Amino acid sequence: MFRNSRLSASRFLNASTRPPAVAGTFYPDDPDELRQRVSEYMASADLPVALAGRDAKAILAPHAGYLYSGPIAGTAFRALATVPKRVVVLSPSHRVAFDGIALPTTQAFATPLGTVAIDDQARVSLATLPQIQLDDHPHADEHGIEVELPFLQVLSEQHGTPCPSLVPLVVGRANVDQVAEALDLIWGNPKDSETLILISSDLSHFLTYDQAARRDHDTVERILTGASDLRPEDACGATAINGLQLSTHRDTLEPYLLDLRSSGDTAGNKNSVVGYCAIAFHPKL
């Protein structure tokens, strides 16, 4: 049973750890239930045979409540054959309007499964860019990064490895070149998956089931062919997706569509749906 455990932002903006803001609403706040739910989402995912044993360098995963988008997110995380050492998560800002890209000052993010440490080295590097704002406010109630973390934590538990360090970036009024510049700075070795880029984004919002299916199919086709001109109505994380497409190392990656569904396929009605996809970007062989 989900319980509302959301805390007021004013209680933790100056804390060293950002506590969960949407545990009990977007996902279970009971650790055992959360662990079981995430494990089931990943276990039920099917991957193409061609991707077996291969690690993704970047993934695109949805960020809605698990009841709606959890199975699609689970498919995205199954694209990780091993656990990366560092994960850069980019989410659109759903609650706070600001210029640039927000990086928190806290030392860790918490979920009911424990804490995920912020990568201090990456924070120091990114802070040299003018578009990066050291600001906790956009992160305080933002769900787009938080809902991805239990997947990383459970994946780490299953592999018996430490949880990756985290580089949480909330994208505000930034342009795609600014996002691409930030990604290039912390991309890491382009030939390995030590650093994973995770774009947190849903697709279309509040169309009918059939309208969303057509719109989202077209959007995914554009992503797979390298388009960098997605609009917010195509995907709420359009700026982050476009920035990934314009990054210096993007041409070393090959995208694979793993899952494409909507809330009308999972737990919602078909009159007004939100679209979700899972896409993995693997280094070219």
Protein backbone atom coordinates (compact mmCIF):
# COMPACT_ATOMS: atom_id res chain seq x y z
CA MET A 1 0.00 0.00 0.00
CA PHE A 2 1.41 3.39 -0.98
CA ARG A 3 1.57 5.94 1.83
CA ASN A 4 2.28 9.62 1.44
CA SER A 5 5.70 10.23 2.99
CA ARG A 6 6.50 13.41 1.08
CA LEU A 7 8.38 16.02 3.12
CA SER A 8 8.27 19.78 2.80
CA ALA A 9 11.18 21.11 0.74
CA SER A 10 11.97 23.73 3.36
CA ARG A 11 12.97 20.97 5.79
CA PHE A 12 15.90 19.68 3.78
CA LEU A 13 17.25 22.31 1.41
CA ASN A 14 20.31 22.81 3.62
CA ALA A 15 20.73 19.16 4.62
CA SER A 16 23.64 17.00 3.49
CA THR A 17 21.24 14.35 2.13
CA ARG A 18 18.16 14.98 0.04
CA PRO A 19 15.45 12.70 1.43
CA PRO A 20 12.80 11.08 -0.78
CA ALA A 21 10.16 13.50 -2.00
CA VAL A 22 7.80 11.08 -3.77
CA ALA A 23 8.21 7.80 -1.88
CA GLY A 24 4.73 6.55 -1.06
CA THR A 25 3.18 8.32 -4.04
CA PHE A 26 5.21 7.56 -7.17
CA TYR A 27 6.62 4.33 -5.78
CA PRO A 28 6.37 2.25 -2.57
CA ASP A 29 7.96 3.67 0.55
CA ASP A 30 8.34 0.23 2.14
CA PRO A 31 11.87 -1.01 1.28
CA ASP A 32 10.89 -4.65 0.84
CA GLU A 33 7.93 -3.84 -1.37
CA LEU A 34 10.00 -1.39 -3.38
CA ARG A 35 12.82 -3.87 -3.89
CA GLN A 36 10.38 -6.58 -4.98
CA ARG A 37 8.52 -4.28 -7.35
CA VAL A 38 11.68 -3.03 -9.07
CA SER A 39 13.10 -6.56 -9.30
CA GLU A 40 9.93 -7.77 -10.99
CA TYR A 41 9.97 -4.92 -13.49
CA MET A 42 13.51 -5.74 -14.54
CA ALA A 43 13.02 -9.53 -14.51
CA SER A 44 9.99 -9.32 -16.80
CA ALA A 45 11.82 -7.26 -19.45
CA ASP A 46 12.85 -8.84 -22.74
CA LEU A 47 15.96 -7.66 -24.56
CA PRO A 48 16.97 -8.34 -28.17
CA VAL A 49 19.38 -11.24 -28.45
CA ALA A 50 21.88 -8.92 -30.14
CA LEU A 51 22.19 -6.90 -26.92
CA ALA A 52 22.79 -9.83 -24.57
CA GLY A 53 25.86 -9.17 -22.43
CA ARG A 54 26.40 -5.71 -23.85
CA ASP A 55 26.40 -2.54 -21.76
CA ALA A 56 24.61 0.62 -22.75
CA LYS A 57 26.45 3.94 -22.59
CA ALA A 58 23.18 5.89 -22.37
CA ILE A 59 19.56 5.00 -21.70
CA LEU A 60 16.26 6.82 -21.99
CA ALA A 61 13.78 5.83 -19.27
CA PRO A 62 10.38 7.20 -18.17
CA HIS A 63 9.74 8.83 -14.81
CA ALA A 64 6.04 8.50 -14.03
CA GLY A 65 4.58 6.61 -11.10
CA TYR A 66 5.72 3.00 -11.13
CA LEU A 67 2.15 1.77 -11.54
CA TYR A 68 2.15 3.38 -14.98
CA SER A 69 5.73 3.42 -16.23
CA GLY A 70 7.59 0.96 -14.01
CA PRO A 71 7.64 -1.93 -16.51
CA ILE A 72 9.04 0.31 -19.25
CA ALA A 73 11.69 1.74 -16.91
CA GLY A 74 12.62 -1.80 -15.89
CA THR A 75 13.26 -2.64 -19.53
CA ALA A 76 15.61 0.33 -19.88
CA PHE A 77 17.70 -0.75 -16.88
CA ARG A 78 17.93 -4.31 -18.18
CA ALA A 79 20.15 -2.85 -20.92
CA LEU A 80 22.92 -2.63 -18.31
CA ALA A 81 24.93 -5.85 -18.30
CA THR A 82 27.12 -4.49 -15.51
CA VAL A 83 26.74 -1.71 -12.97
CA PRO A 84 28.44 1.57 -14.01
CA LYS A 85 30.62 3.46 -11.57
CA ARG A 86 28.92 6.77 -12.22
CA VAL A 87 25.47 7.73 -13.50
CA VAL A 88 24.60 11.15 -14.90
CA VAL A 89 20.83 11.62 -14.66
CA LEU A 90 19.18 14.47 -16.54
CA SER A 91 15.57 15.36 -15.81
CA PRO A 92 13.37 18.22 -16.94
CA SER A 93 12.23 20.61 -14.21
CA HIS A 94 8.58 19.92 -13.42
CA ARG A 95 8.08 22.39 -10.55
CA VAL A 96 10.66 25.18 -10.57
CA ALA A 97 11.37 27.68 -13.36
CA PHE A 98 15.01 28.73 -13.59
CA ASP A 99 17.77 29.44 -16.08
CA GLY A 100 20.41 26.86 -16.86
CA ILE A 101 20.98 23.41 -15.36
CA ALA A 102 20.72 22.79 -11.61
CA LEU A 103 23.25 20.70 -9.71
CA PRO A 104 22.56 20.20 -5.98
CA THR A 105 24.92 21.00 -3.13
CA THR A 106 23.87 17.96 -1.08
CA GLN A 107 26.21 15.00 -0.64
CA ALA A 108 23.66 12.27 -1.37
CA PHE A 109 20.12 11.45 -2.48
CA ALA A 110 18.09 9.03 -0.37
CA THR A 111 15.38 6.51 -1.23
CA PRO A 112 13.78 3.89 1.05
CA LEU A 113 16.62 1.59 -0.08
CA GLY A 114 19.40 3.83 1.24
CA THR A 115 21.52 6.68 -0.06
CA VAL A 116 23.25 7.32 -3.38
CA ALA A 117 26.36 9.50 -3.07
CA ILE A 118 26.86 12.54 -5.28
CA ASP A 119 30.00 12.43 -7.42
CA ASP A 120 32.04 15.33 -6.03
CA GLN A 121 34.66 15.23 -8.77
CA ALA A 122 32.00 15.62 -11.44
CA ARG A 123 30.33 18.42 -9.48
CA VAL A 124 33.60 20.38 -9.28
CA SER A 125 34.15 19.93 -13.03
CA LEU A 126 30.61 20.90 -14.00
CA ALA A 127 30.60 23.95 -11.74
CA THR A 128 33.13 25.56 -14.07
CA LEU A 129 30.43 25.85 -16.77
CA PRO A 130 28.35 29.06 -16.73
CA GLN A 131 25.08 27.19 -17.36
CA ILE A 132 25.48 25.07 -14.23
CA GLN A 133 23.73 26.48 -11.15
CA LEU A 134 24.53 25.04 -7.71
CA ASP A 135 20.97 25.12 -6.45
CA ASP A 136 18.99 22.67 -4.32
CA HIS A 137 15.56 24.22 -4.95
CA PRO A 138 14.88 22.63 -8.36
CA HIS A 139 15.81 19.24 -6.86
CA ALA A 140 13.75 19.49 -3.69
CA ASP A 141 10.44 18.17 -5.02
CA GLU A 142 11.60 16.92 -8.42
CA HIS A 143 10.59 13.32 -9.13
CA GLY A 144 12.35 12.88 -12.47
CA ILE A 145 15.68 11.85 -10.93
CA GLU A 146 14.43 10.26 -7.73
CA VAL A 147 12.27 7.58 -9.37
CA GLU A 148 15.26 6.25 -11.35
CA LEU A 149 17.43 5.66 -8.27
CA PRO A 150 15.75 2.51 -6.85
CA PHE A 151 16.47 0.77 -10.16
CA LEU A 152 20.16 1.57 -9.79
CA GLN A 153 20.13 0.46 -6.16
CA VAL A 154 18.42 -2.87 -6.87
CA LEU A 155 20.64 -3.51 -9.88
CA SER A 156 23.69 -2.93 -7.70
CA GLU A 157 22.36 -5.32 -5.05
CA GLN A 158 21.74 -8.00 -7.66
CA HIS A 159 25.29 -7.68 -9.01
CA GLY A 160 26.85 -7.43 -5.57
CA THR A 161 28.59 -4.17 -6.45
CA PRO A 162 28.54 -0.66 -4.91
CA CYS A 163 25.81 1.66 -6.09
CA PRO A 164 27.09 4.12 -8.73
CA SER A 165 27.90 7.65 -7.72
CA LEU A 166 25.31 10.15 -8.92
CA VAL A 167 25.45 13.31 -11.00
CA PRO A 168 21.88 14.69 -10.78
CA LEU A 169 21.08 17.44 -13.27
CA VAL A 170 17.71 19.18 -13.52
CA VAL A 171 17.40 20.98 -16.85
CA GLY A 172 15.68 24.34 -16.68
CA ARG A 173 15.70 27.06 -19.33
CA ALA A 174 18.84 25.77 -21.00
CA ASN A 175 19.54 25.27 -24.69
CA VAL A 176 20.65 22.04 -26.28
CA ASP A 177 24.22 23.24 -26.79
CA GLN A 178 24.53 23.88 -23.06
CA VAL A 179 23.31 20.37 -22.29
CA ALA A 180 25.66 18.85 -24.87
CA GLU A 181 28.61 20.80 -23.43
CA ALA A 182 27.87 19.50 -19.93
CA LEU A 183 27.58 15.92 -21.19
CA ASP A 184 30.84 16.15 -23.13
CA LEU A 185 32.63 17.35 -19.99
CA ILE A 186 31.63 14.28 -17.95
CA TRP A 187 31.16 11.71 -20.70
CA GLY A 188 34.16 9.66 -19.60
CA ASN A 189 35.80 7.11 -21.84
CA PRO A 190 33.58 6.94 -24.96
CA LYS A 191 34.44 3.26 -25.45
CA ASP A 192 33.23 1.95 -22.09
CA SER A 193 30.23 2.19 -19.79
CA GLU A 194 32.02 3.40 -16.66
CA THR A 195 29.90 6.55 -16.91
CA LEU A 196 26.25 6.03 -17.84
CA ILE A 197 24.11 8.85 -19.23
CA LEU A 198 20.49 8.45 -18.13
CA ILE A 199 17.88 10.70 -19.72
CA SER A 200 14.71 10.74 -17.63
CA SER A 201 11.77 11.57 -19.88
CA ASP A 202 8.21 10.63 -20.72
CA LEU A 203 6.80 11.12 -24.22
CA SER A 204 3.45 12.71 -25.18
CA HIS A 205 1.00 13.80 -22.53
CA PHE A 206 -2.80 13.61 -22.31
CA LEU A 207 -3.62 12.55 -25.83
CA THR A 208 -6.04 9.73 -26.58
CA TYR A 209 -4.52 6.27 -26.77
CA ASP A 210 -4.48 6.19 -30.58
CA GLN A 211 -3.23 9.76 -30.92
CA ALA A 212 -0.40 9.07 -28.47
CA ALA A 213 0.56 5.86 -30.25
CA ARG A 214 1.02 7.74 -33.52
CA ARG A 215 2.82 10.73 -31.97
CA ASP A 216 5.13 8.59 -29.85
CA HIS A 217 5.99 6.26 -32.73
CA ASP A 218 7.06 9.28 -34.79
CA THR A 219 9.04 10.73 -31.86
CA VAL A 220 10.89 7.48 -31.26
CA GLU A 221 11.72 7.15 -34.95
CA ARG A 222 13.23 10.63 -34.85
CA ILE A 223 15.29 9.79 -31.78
CA LEU A 224 16.57 6.60 -33.39
CA THR A 225 17.67 8.51 -36.48
CA GLY A 226 19.53 11.15 -34.45
CA ALA A 227 17.07 14.06 -34.53
CA SER A 228 17.97 16.89 -32.15
CA ASP A 229 14.90 19.09 -32.61
CA LEU A 230 12.36 17.38 -30.35
CA ARG A 231 9.78 19.68 -28.77
CA PRO A 232 8.40 19.57 -25.21
CA GLU A 233 5.10 18.26 -26.58
CA ASP A 234 7.01 15.31 -28.05
CA ALA A 235 8.85 14.49 -24.82
CA CYS A 236 9.04 16.38 -21.53
CA GLY A 237 12.79 15.75 -21.50
CA ALA A 238 13.21 17.06 -25.03
CA THR A 239 16.07 19.43 -24.21
CA ALA A 240 18.09 16.68 -22.52
CA ILE A 241 17.41 14.24 -25.36
CA ASN A 242 18.41 16.83 -27.94
CA GLY A 243 21.55 17.60 -25.97
CA LEU A 244 22.52 13.93 -25.98
CA GLN A 245 21.99 13.81 -29.73
CA LEU A 246 24.34 16.78 -30.20
CA SER A 247 27.05 15.57 -27.86
CA THR A 248 30.49 15.04 -29.35
CA HIS A 249 30.51 11.27 -28.84
CA ARG A 250 26.93 10.55 -29.96
CA ASP A 251 28.09 9.18 -33.33
CA THR A 252 29.93 6.38 -31.47
CA LEU A 253 26.60 5.03 -30.22
CA GLU A 254 23.87 2.96 -31.82
CA PRO A 255 20.33 3.34 -30.42
CA TYR A 256 17.95 0.44 -29.85
CA LEU A 257 14.25 0.72 -29.05
CA LEU A 258 13.49 -1.67 -26.20
CA ASP A 259 9.93 -0.73 -25.24
CA LEU A 260 7.23 1.70 -26.35
CA ARG A 261 3.94 1.88 -24.52
CA SER A 262 1.64 4.30 -22.75
CA SER A 263 -0.28 4.45 -19.51
CA GLY A 264 -3.20 3.06 -21.50
CA ASP A 265 -1.24 -0.19 -21.80
CA THR A 266 -0.34 -0.44 -18.12
CA ALA A 267 -2.78 0.99 -15.59
CA GLY A 268 -4.59 4.00 -17.03
CA ASN A 269 -7.65 4.54 -19.19
CA LYS A 270 -7.30 5.15 -22.92
CA ASN A 271 -9.01 8.54 -23.05
CA SER A 272 -5.99 10.47 -21.83
CA VAL A 273 -2.60 8.78 -21.69
CA VAL A 274 1.09 9.51 -21.19
CA GLY A 275 3.61 7.85 -23.48
CA TYR A 276 6.74 6.03 -22.34
CA CYS A 277 9.71 4.47 -24.06
CA ALA A 278 12.91 2.66 -23.19
CA ILE A 279 15.83 3.28 -25.54
CA ALA A 280 19.40 2.07 -25.06
CA PHE A 281 22.41 3.64 -26.75
CA HIS A 282 25.19 1.06 -27.09
CA PRO A 283 28.75 1.65 -28.30
CA LYS A 284 28.99 0.60 -31.91
CA LEU A 285 30.71 -2.73 -32.49
